[in-house]
Amino acid sequence: LFQNPDGTTFDYSGGLPSVFSATNRVQQHRFV
C-alpha cells in the first residue's frame, strides 16, 4: 500500500495499492 513519508499507511478507504509495486501491477492487470 501507499505509505506516508514516516512509513505509516496512507489512510484512504483502507489504503490504496501502490502503483510502484510489480506484484500489485501483475495482479491488477491480470484482472483488467
ModelCIF file with pLDDT and N, C-alpha, C, O atoms, coordinates in Angstrom:
data_MODEL
#
_entry.id   MODEL 
#
_entity.id                         1 
_entity.type                       polymer 
_entity.pdbx_number_of_molecules   1 
#
_entity_poly.entity_id                      1 
_entity_poly.type                           'polypeptide(L)' 
_entity_poly.nstd_linkage                   no 
_entity_poly.nstd_monomer                   no 
_entity_poly.pdbx_seq_one_letter_code       LFQNPDGTTFDYSGGLPSVFSATNRVQQHRFV 
_entity_poly.pdbx_seq_one_letter_code_can   LFQNPDGTTFDYSGGLPSVFSATNRVQQHRFV 
_entity_poly.pdbx_strand_id                 A 
#
loop_
_entity_poly_seq.entity_id 
_entity_poly_seq.num 
_entity_poly_seq.mon_id 
_entity_poly_seq.hetero 
1 1  LEU n 
1 2  PHE n 
1 3  GLN n 
1 4  ASN n 
1 5  PRO n 
1 6  ASP n 
1 7  GLY n 
1 8  THR n 
1 9  THR n 
1 10 PHE n 
1 11 ASP n 
1 12 TYR n 
1 13 SER n 
1 14 GLY n 
1 15 GLY n 
1 16 LEU n 
1 17 PRO n 
1 18 SER n 
1 19 VAL n 
1 20 PHE n 
1 21 SER n 
1 22 ALA n 
1 23 THR n 
1 24 ASN n 
1 25 ARG n 
1 26 VAL n 
1 27 GLN n 
1 28 GLN n 
1 29 HIS n 
1 30 ARG n 
1 31 PHE n 
1 32 VAL n 
#
_struct_asym.id          A 
_struct_asym.entity_id   1 
#
loop_
_ma_qa_metric.id 
_ma_qa_metric.mode 
_ma_qa_metric.name 
_ma_qa_metric.software_group_id 
_ma_qa_metric.type 
1 global pLDDT . pLDDT 
2 local  pLDDT . pLDDT 
#
_ma_qa_metric_global.metric_id      1 
_ma_qa_metric_global.metric_value   95.75 
_ma_qa_metric_global.model_id       1 
_ma_qa_metric_global.ordinal_id     1 
#
loop_
_ma_qa_metric_local.label_asym_id 
_ma_qa_metric_local.label_comp_id 
_ma_qa_metric_local.label_seq_id 
_ma_qa_metric_local.metric_id 
_ma_qa_metric_local.metric_value 
_ma_qa_metric_local.model_id 
_ma_qa_metric_local.ordinal_id 
A LEU 1  2 97.00 1 1  
A PHE 2  2 97.00 1 2  
A GLN 3  2 98.00 1 3  
A ASN 4  2 97.00 1 4  
A PRO 5  2 97.00 1 5  
A ASP 6  2 96.00 1 6  
A GLY 7  2 96.00 1 7  
A THR 8  2 97.00 1 8  
A THR 9  2 97.00 1 9  
A PHE 10 2 95.00 1 10 
A ASP 11 2 89.00 1 11 
A TYR 12 2 87.00 1 12 
A SER 13 2 84.00 1 13 
A GLY 14 2 88.00 1 14 
A GLY 15 2 94.00 1 15 
A LEU 16 2 96.00 1 16 
A PRO 17 2 97.00 1 17 
A SER 18 2 97.00 1 18 
A VAL 19 2 96.00 1 19 
A PHE 20 2 97.00 1 20 
A SER 21 2 98.00 1 21 
A ALA 22 2 97.00 1 22 
A THR 23 2 98.00 1 23 
A ASN 24 2 98.00 1 24 
A ARG 25 2 97.00 1 25 
A VAL 26 2 97.00 1 26 
A GLN 27 2 98.00 1 27 
A GLN 28 2 98.00 1 28 
A HIS 29 2 97.00 1 29 
A ARG 30 2 98.00 1 30 
A PHE 31 2 98.00 1 31 
A VAL 32 2 98.00 1 32 
#
loop_
_atom_site.group_PDB 
_atom_site.id 
_atom_site.type_symbol 
_atom_site.label_atom_id 
_atom_site.label_alt_id 
_atom_site.label_comp_id 
_atom_site.label_asym_id 
_atom_site.label_entity_id 
_atom_site.label_seq_id 
_atom_site.pdbx_PDB_ins_code 
_atom_site.Cartn_x 
_atom_site.Cartn_y 
_atom_site.Cartn_z 
_atom_site.occupancy 
_atom_site.B_iso_or_equiv 
_atom_site.pdbx_formal_charge 
_atom_site.auth_seq_id 
_atom_site.auth_comp_id 
_atom_site.auth_asym_id 
_atom_site.auth_atom_id 
_atom_site.pdbx_PDB_model_num 
ATOM 1   N N  . LEU A 1 1  ? 0.819   -1.201  0.000   1.00 97.00 ? 1  LEU A N  1 
ATOM 2   C CA . LEU A 1 1  ? 0.000   0.000   0.000   1.00 97.00 ? 1  LEU A CA 1 
ATOM 3   C C  . LEU A 1 1  ? 0.859   1.260   0.000   1.00 97.00 ? 1  LEU A C  1 
ATOM 4   O O  . LEU A 1 1  ? 2.000   1.259   0.462   1.00 97.00 ? 1  LEU A O  1 
ATOM 5   N N  . PHE A 1 2  ? 0.278   2.335   -0.532  1.00 97.00 ? 2  PHE A N  1 
ATOM 6   C CA . PHE A 1 2  ? 0.939   3.636   -0.439  1.00 97.00 ? 2  PHE A CA 1 
ATOM 7   C C  . PHE A 1 2  ? 1.259   3.948   1.020   1.00 97.00 ? 2  PHE A C  1 
ATOM 8   O O  . PHE A 1 2  ? 0.476   3.643   1.920   1.00 97.00 ? 2  PHE A O  1 
ATOM 9   N N  . GLN A 1 3  ? 2.424   4.562   1.240   1.00 98.00 ? 3  GLN A N  1 
ATOM 10  C CA . GLN A 1 3  ? 2.833   4.939   2.586   1.00 98.00 ? 3  GLN A CA 1 
ATOM 11  C C  . GLN A 1 3  ? 3.168   6.427   2.653   1.00 98.00 ? 3  GLN A C  1 
ATOM 12  O O  . GLN A 1 3  ? 3.623   7.031   1.682   1.00 98.00 ? 3  GLN A O  1 
ATOM 13  N N  . ASN A 1 4  ? 2.927   6.989   3.825   1.00 97.00 ? 4  ASN A N  1 
ATOM 14  C CA . ASN A 1 4  ? 3.359   8.345   4.114   1.00 97.00 ? 4  ASN A CA 1 
ATOM 15  C C  . ASN A 1 4  ? 4.872   8.363   4.311   1.00 97.00 ? 4  ASN A C  1 
ATOM 16  O O  . ASN A 1 4  ? 5.483   7.304   4.455   1.00 97.00 ? 4  ASN A O  1 
ATOM 17  N N  . PRO A 1 5  ? 5.486   9.541   4.319   1.00 97.00 ? 5  PRO A N  1 
ATOM 18  C CA . PRO A 1 5  ? 6.945   9.604   4.487   1.00 97.00 ? 5  PRO A CA 1 
ATOM 19  C C  . PRO A 1 5  ? 7.460   8.922   5.745   1.00 97.00 ? 5  PRO A C  1 
ATOM 20  O O  . PRO A 1 5  ? 8.594   8.443   5.763   1.00 97.00 ? 5  PRO A O  1 
ATOM 21  N N  . ASP A 1 6  ? 6.638   8.867   6.811   1.00 96.00 ? 6  ASP A N  1 
ATOM 22  C CA . ASP A 1 6  ? 7.089   8.236   8.059   1.00 96.00 ? 6  ASP A CA 1 
ATOM 23  C C  . ASP A 1 6  ? 6.894   6.728   8.069   1.00 96.00 ? 6  ASP A C  1 
ATOM 24  O O  . ASP A 1 6  ? 7.154   6.079   9.082   1.00 96.00 ? 6  ASP A O  1 
ATOM 25  N N  . GLY A 1 7  ? 6.441   6.164   6.960   1.00 96.00 ? 7  GLY A N  1 
ATOM 26  C CA . GLY A 1 7  ? 6.284   4.720   6.866   1.00 96.00 ? 7  GLY A CA 1 
ATOM 27  C C  . GLY A 1 7  ? 4.924   4.205   7.257   1.00 96.00 ? 7  GLY A C  1 
ATOM 28  O O  . GLY A 1 7  ? 4.667   3.007   7.140   1.00 96.00 ? 7  GLY A O  1 
ATOM 29  N N  . THR A 1 8  ? 4.037   5.075   7.722   1.00 97.00 ? 8  THR A N  1 
ATOM 30  C CA . THR A 1 8  ? 2.675   4.650   8.034   1.00 97.00 ? 8  THR A CA 1 
ATOM 31  C C  . THR A 1 8  ? 1.861   4.527   6.745   1.00 97.00 ? 8  THR A C  1 
ATOM 32  O O  . THR A 1 8  ? 2.176   5.167   5.742   1.00 97.00 ? 8  THR A O  1 
ATOM 33  N N  . THR A 1 9  ? 0.826   3.712   6.779   1.00 97.00 ? 9  THR A N  1 
ATOM 34  C CA . THR A 1 9  ? -0.024  3.518   5.609   1.00 97.00 ? 9  THR A CA 1 
ATOM 35  C C  . THR A 1 9  ? -0.849  4.766   5.344   1.00 97.00 ? 9  THR A C  1 
ATOM 36  O O  . THR A 1 9  ? -1.430  5.343   6.263   1.00 97.00 ? 9  THR A O  1 
ATOM 37  N N  . PHE A 1 10 ? -0.898  5.177   4.090   1.00 95.00 ? 10 PHE A N  1 
ATOM 38  C CA . PHE A 1 10 ? -1.754  6.291   3.701   1.00 95.00 ? 10 PHE A CA 1 
ATOM 39  C C  . PHE A 1 10 ? -3.194  5.857   3.884   1.00 95.00 ? 10 PHE A C  1 
ATOM 40  O O  . PHE A 1 10 ? -3.669  4.960   3.187   1.00 95.00 ? 10 PHE A O  1 
ATOM 41  N N  . ASP A 1 11 ? -3.887  6.481   4.810   1.00 89.00 ? 11 ASP A N  1 
ATOM 42  C CA . ASP A 1 11 ? -5.194  6.015   5.237   1.00 89.00 ? 11 ASP A CA 1 
ATOM 43  C C  . ASP A 1 11 ? -6.293  6.664   4.413   1.00 89.00 ? 11 ASP A C  1 
ATOM 44  O O  . ASP A 1 11 ? -6.784  7.740   4.754   1.00 89.00 ? 11 ASP A O  1 
ATOM 45  N N  . TYR A 1 12 ? -6.675  6.007   3.332   1.00 87.00 ? 12 TYR A N  1 
ATOM 46  C CA . TYR A 1 12 ? -7.777  6.456   2.491   1.00 87.00 ? 12 TYR A CA 1 
ATOM 47  C C  . TYR A 1 12 ? -8.554  5.230   2.086   1.00 87.00 ? 12 TYR A C  1 
ATOM 48  O O  . TYR A 1 12 ? -8.067  4.404   1.314   1.00 87.00 ? 12 TYR A O  1 
ATOM 49  N N  . SER A 1 13 ? -9.756  5.107   2.601   1.00 84.00 ? 13 SER A N  1 
ATOM 50  C CA . SER A 1 13 ? -10.624 3.963   2.281   1.00 84.00 ? 13 SER A CA 1 
ATOM 51  C C  . SER A 1 13 ? -9.926  2.628   2.533   1.00 84.00 ? 13 SER A C  1 
ATOM 52  O O  . SER A 1 13 ? -10.076 1.679   1.763   1.00 84.00 ? 13 SER A O  1 
ATOM 53  N N  . GLY A 1 14 ? -9.168  2.574   3.614   1.00 88.00 ? 14 GLY A N  1 
ATOM 54  C CA . GLY A 1 14 ? -8.489  1.334   3.949   1.00 88.00 ? 14 GLY A CA 1 
ATOM 55  C C  . GLY A 1 14 ? -7.153  1.149   3.279   1.00 88.00 ? 14 GLY A C  1 
ATOM 56  O O  . GLY A 1 14 ? -6.548  0.081   3.382   1.00 88.00 ? 14 GLY A O  1 
ATOM 57  N N  . GLY A 1 15 ? -6.683  2.166   2.596   1.00 94.00 ? 15 GLY A N  1 
ATOM 58  C CA . GLY A 1 15 ? -5.398  2.091   1.916   1.00 94.00 ? 15 GLY A CA 1 
ATOM 59  C C  . GLY A 1 15 ? -5.551  1.925   0.420   1.00 94.00 ? 15 GLY A C  1 
ATOM 60  O O  . GLY A 1 15 ? -6.580  1.451   -0.062  1.00 94.00 ? 15 GLY A O  1 
ATOM 61  N N  . LEU A 1 16 ? -4.520  2.317   -0.312  1.00 96.00 ? 16 LEU A N  1 
ATOM 62  C CA . LEU A 1 16 ? -4.526  2.237   -1.774  1.00 96.00 ? 16 LEU A CA 1 
ATOM 63  C C  . LEU A 1 16 ? -3.341  1.400   -2.245  1.00 96.00 ? 16 LEU A C  1 
ATOM 64  O O  . LEU A 1 16 ? -2.221  1.630   -1.789  1.00 96.00 ? 16 LEU A O  1 
ATOM 65  N N  . PRO A 1 17 ? -3.548  0.440   -3.138  1.00 97.00 ? 17 PRO A N  1 
ATOM 66  C CA . PRO A 1 17 ? -2.425  -0.351  -3.650  1.00 97.00 ? 17 PRO A CA 1 
ATOM 67  C C  . PRO A 1 17 ? -1.414  0.529   -4.384  1.00 97.00 ? 17 PRO A C  1 
ATOM 68  O O  . PRO A 1 17 ? -1.786  1.383   -5.189  1.00 97.00 ? 17 PRO A O  1 
ATOM 69  N N  . SER A 1 18 ? -0.159  0.312   -4.100  1.00 97.00 ? 18 SER A N  1 
ATOM 70  C CA . SER A 1 18 ? 0.906   1.096   -4.711  1.00 97.00 ? 18 SER A CA 1 
ATOM 71  C C  . SER A 1 18 ? 1.017   0.812   -6.200  1.00 97.00 ? 18 SER A C  1 
ATOM 72  O O  . SER A 1 18 ? 0.955   -0.342  -6.625  1.00 97.00 ? 18 SER A O  1 
ATOM 73  N N  . VAL A 1 19 ? 1.184   1.877   -7.001  1.00 96.00 ? 19 VAL A N  1 
ATOM 74  C CA . VAL A 1 19 ? 1.410   1.696   -8.434  1.00 96.00 ? 19 VAL A CA 1 
ATOM 75  C C  . VAL A 1 19 ? 2.866   1.353   -8.724  1.00 96.00 ? 19 VAL A C  1 
ATOM 76  O O  . VAL A 1 19 ? 3.216   1.026   -9.858  1.00 96.00 ? 19 VAL A O  1 
ATOM 77  N N  . PHE A 1 20 ? 3.722   1.428   -7.692  1.00 97.00 ? 20 PHE A N  1 
ATOM 78  C CA . PHE A 1 20 ? 5.139   1.138   -7.883  1.00 97.00 ? 20 PHE A CA 1 
ATOM 79  C C  . PHE A 1 20 ? 5.442   -0.349  -7.680  1.00 97.00 ? 20 PHE A C  1 
ATOM 80  O O  . PHE A 1 20 ? 6.515   -0.820  -8.059  1.00 97.00 ? 20 PHE A O  1 
ATOM 81  N N  . SER A 1 21 ? 4.519   -1.075  -7.095  1.00 98.00 ? 21 SER A N  1 
ATOM 82  C CA . SER A 1 21 ? 4.730   -2.487  -6.790  1.00 98.00 ? 21 SER A CA 1 
ATOM 83  C C  . SER A 1 21 ? 4.505   -3.356  -8.022  1.00 98.00 ? 21 SER A C  1 
ATOM 84  O O  . SER A 1 21 ? 3.423   -3.344  -8.608  1.00 98.00 ? 21 SER A O  1 
ATOM 85  N N  . ALA A 1 22 ? 5.526   -4.106  -8.411  1.00 97.00 ? 22 ALA A N  1 
ATOM 86  C CA . ALA A 1 22 ? 5.396   -5.006  -9.559  1.00 97.00 ? 22 ALA A CA 1 
ATOM 87  C C  . ALA A 1 22 ? 4.369   -6.099  -9.274  1.00 97.00 ? 22 ALA A C  1 
ATOM 88  O O  . ALA A 1 22 ? 3.642   -6.513  -10.177 1.00 97.00 ? 22 ALA A O  1 
ATOM 89  N N  . THR A 1 23 ? 4.304   -6.568  -8.035  1.00 98.00 ? 23 THR A N  1 
ATOM 90  C CA . THR A 1 23 ? 3.336   -7.601  -7.677  1.00 98.00 ? 23 THR A CA 1 
ATOM 91  C C  . THR A 1 23 ? 1.915   -7.083  -7.816  1.00 98.00 ? 23 THR A C  1 
ATOM 92  O O  . THR A 1 23 ? 1.059   -7.755  -8.390  1.00 98.00 ? 23 THR A O  1 
ATOM 93  N N  . ASN A 1 24 ? 1.661   -5.881  -7.289  1.00 98.00 ? 24 ASN A N  1 
ATOM 94  C CA . ASN A 1 24 ? 0.331   -5.289  -7.444  1.00 98.00 ? 24 ASN A CA 1 
ATOM 95  C C  . ASN A 1 24 ? -0.050  -5.194  -8.909  1.00 98.00 ? 24 ASN A C  1 
ATOM 96  O O  . ASN A 1 24 ? -1.153  -5.561  -9.314  1.00 98.00 ? 24 ASN A O  1 
ATOM 97  N N  . ARG A 1 25 ? 0.887   -4.696  -9.686  1.00 97.00 ? 25 ARG A N  1 
ATOM 98  C CA . ARG A 1 25 ? 0.610   -4.433  -11.103 1.00 97.00 ? 25 ARG A CA 1 
ATOM 99  C C  . ARG A 1 25 ? 0.261   -5.717  -11.847 1.00 97.00 ? 25 ARG A C  1 
ATOM 100 O O  . ARG A 1 25 ? -0.686  -5.738  -12.633 1.00 97.00 ? 25 ARG A O  1 
ATOM 101 N N  . VAL A 1 26 ? 1.011   -6.778  -11.609 1.00 97.00 ? 26 VAL A N  1 
ATOM 102 C CA . VAL A 1 26 ? 0.749   -8.047  -12.282 1.00 97.00 ? 26 VAL A CA 1 
ATOM 103 C C  . VAL A 1 26 ? -0.668  -8.528  -11.980 1.00 97.00 ? 26 VAL A C  1 
ATOM 104 O O  . VAL A 1 26 ? -1.394  -8.941  -12.884 1.00 97.00 ? 26 VAL A O  1 
ATOM 105 N N  . GLN A 1 27 ? -1.058  -8.473  -10.709 1.00 98.00 ? 27 GLN A N  1 
ATOM 106 C CA . GLN A 1 27 ? -2.376  -8.955  -10.321 1.00 98.00 ? 27 GLN A CA 1 
ATOM 107 C C  . GLN A 1 27 ? -3.488  -8.057  -10.853 1.00 98.00 ? 27 GLN A C  1 
ATOM 108 O O  . GLN A 1 27 ? -4.504  -8.549  -11.342 1.00 98.00 ? 27 GLN A O  1 
ATOM 109 N N  . GLN A 1 28 ? -3.299  -6.745  -10.758 1.00 98.00 ? 28 GLN A N  1 
ATOM 110 C CA . GLN A 1 28 ? -4.323  -5.811  -11.239 1.00 98.00 ? 28 GLN A CA 1 
ATOM 111 C C  . GLN A 1 28 ? -4.534  -5.945  -12.741 1.00 98.00 ? 28 GLN A C  1 
ATOM 112 O O  . GLN A 1 28 ? -5.669  -6.013  -13.213 1.00 98.00 ? 28 GLN A O  1 
ATOM 113 N N  . HIS A 1 29 ? -3.442  -5.983  -13.484 1.00 97.00 ? 29 HIS A N  1 
ATOM 114 C CA . HIS A 1 29 ? -3.566  -6.025  -14.940 1.00 97.00 ? 29 HIS A CA 1 
ATOM 115 C C  . HIS A 1 29 ? -4.006  -7.401  -15.440 1.00 97.00 ? 29 HIS A C  1 
ATOM 116 O O  . HIS A 1 29 ? -4.552  -7.518  -16.538 1.00 97.00 ? 29 HIS A O  1 
ATOM 117 N N  . ARG A 1 30 ? -3.771  -8.431  -14.645 1.00 98.00 ? 30 ARG A N  1 
ATOM 118 C CA . ARG A 1 30 ? -4.337  -9.744  -14.994 1.00 98.00 ? 30 ARG A CA 1 
ATOM 119 C C  . ARG A 1 30 ? -5.861  -9.676  -14.946 1.00 98.00 ? 30 ARG A C  1 
ATOM 120 O O  . ARG A 1 30 ? -6.542  -10.228 -15.811 1.00 98.00 ? 30 ARG A O  1 
ATOM 121 N N  . PHE A 1 31 ? -6.389  -8.997  -13.931 1.00 98.00 ? 31 PHE A N  1 
ATOM 122 C CA . PHE A 1 31 ? -7.840  -8.814  -13.852 1.00 98.00 ? 31 PHE A CA 1 
ATOM 123 C C  . PHE A 1 31 ? -8.339  -7.963  -15.013 1.00 98.00 ? 31 PHE A C  1 
ATOM 124 O O  . PHE A 1 31 ? -9.352  -8.293  -15.629 1.00 98.00 ? 31 PHE A O  1 
ATOM 125 N N  . VAL A 1 32 ? -7.640  -6.872  -15.319 1.00 98.00 ? 32 VAL A N  1 
ATOM 126 C CA . VAL A 1 32 ? -8.033  -5.996  -16.433 1.00 98.00 ? 32 VAL A CA 1 
ATOM 127 C C  . VAL A 1 32 ? -8.088  -6.806  -17.731 1.00 98.00 ? 32 VAL A C  1 
ATOM 128 O O  . VAL A 1 32 ? -8.398  -6.258  -18.788 1.00 98.00 ? 32 VAL A O  1 
#
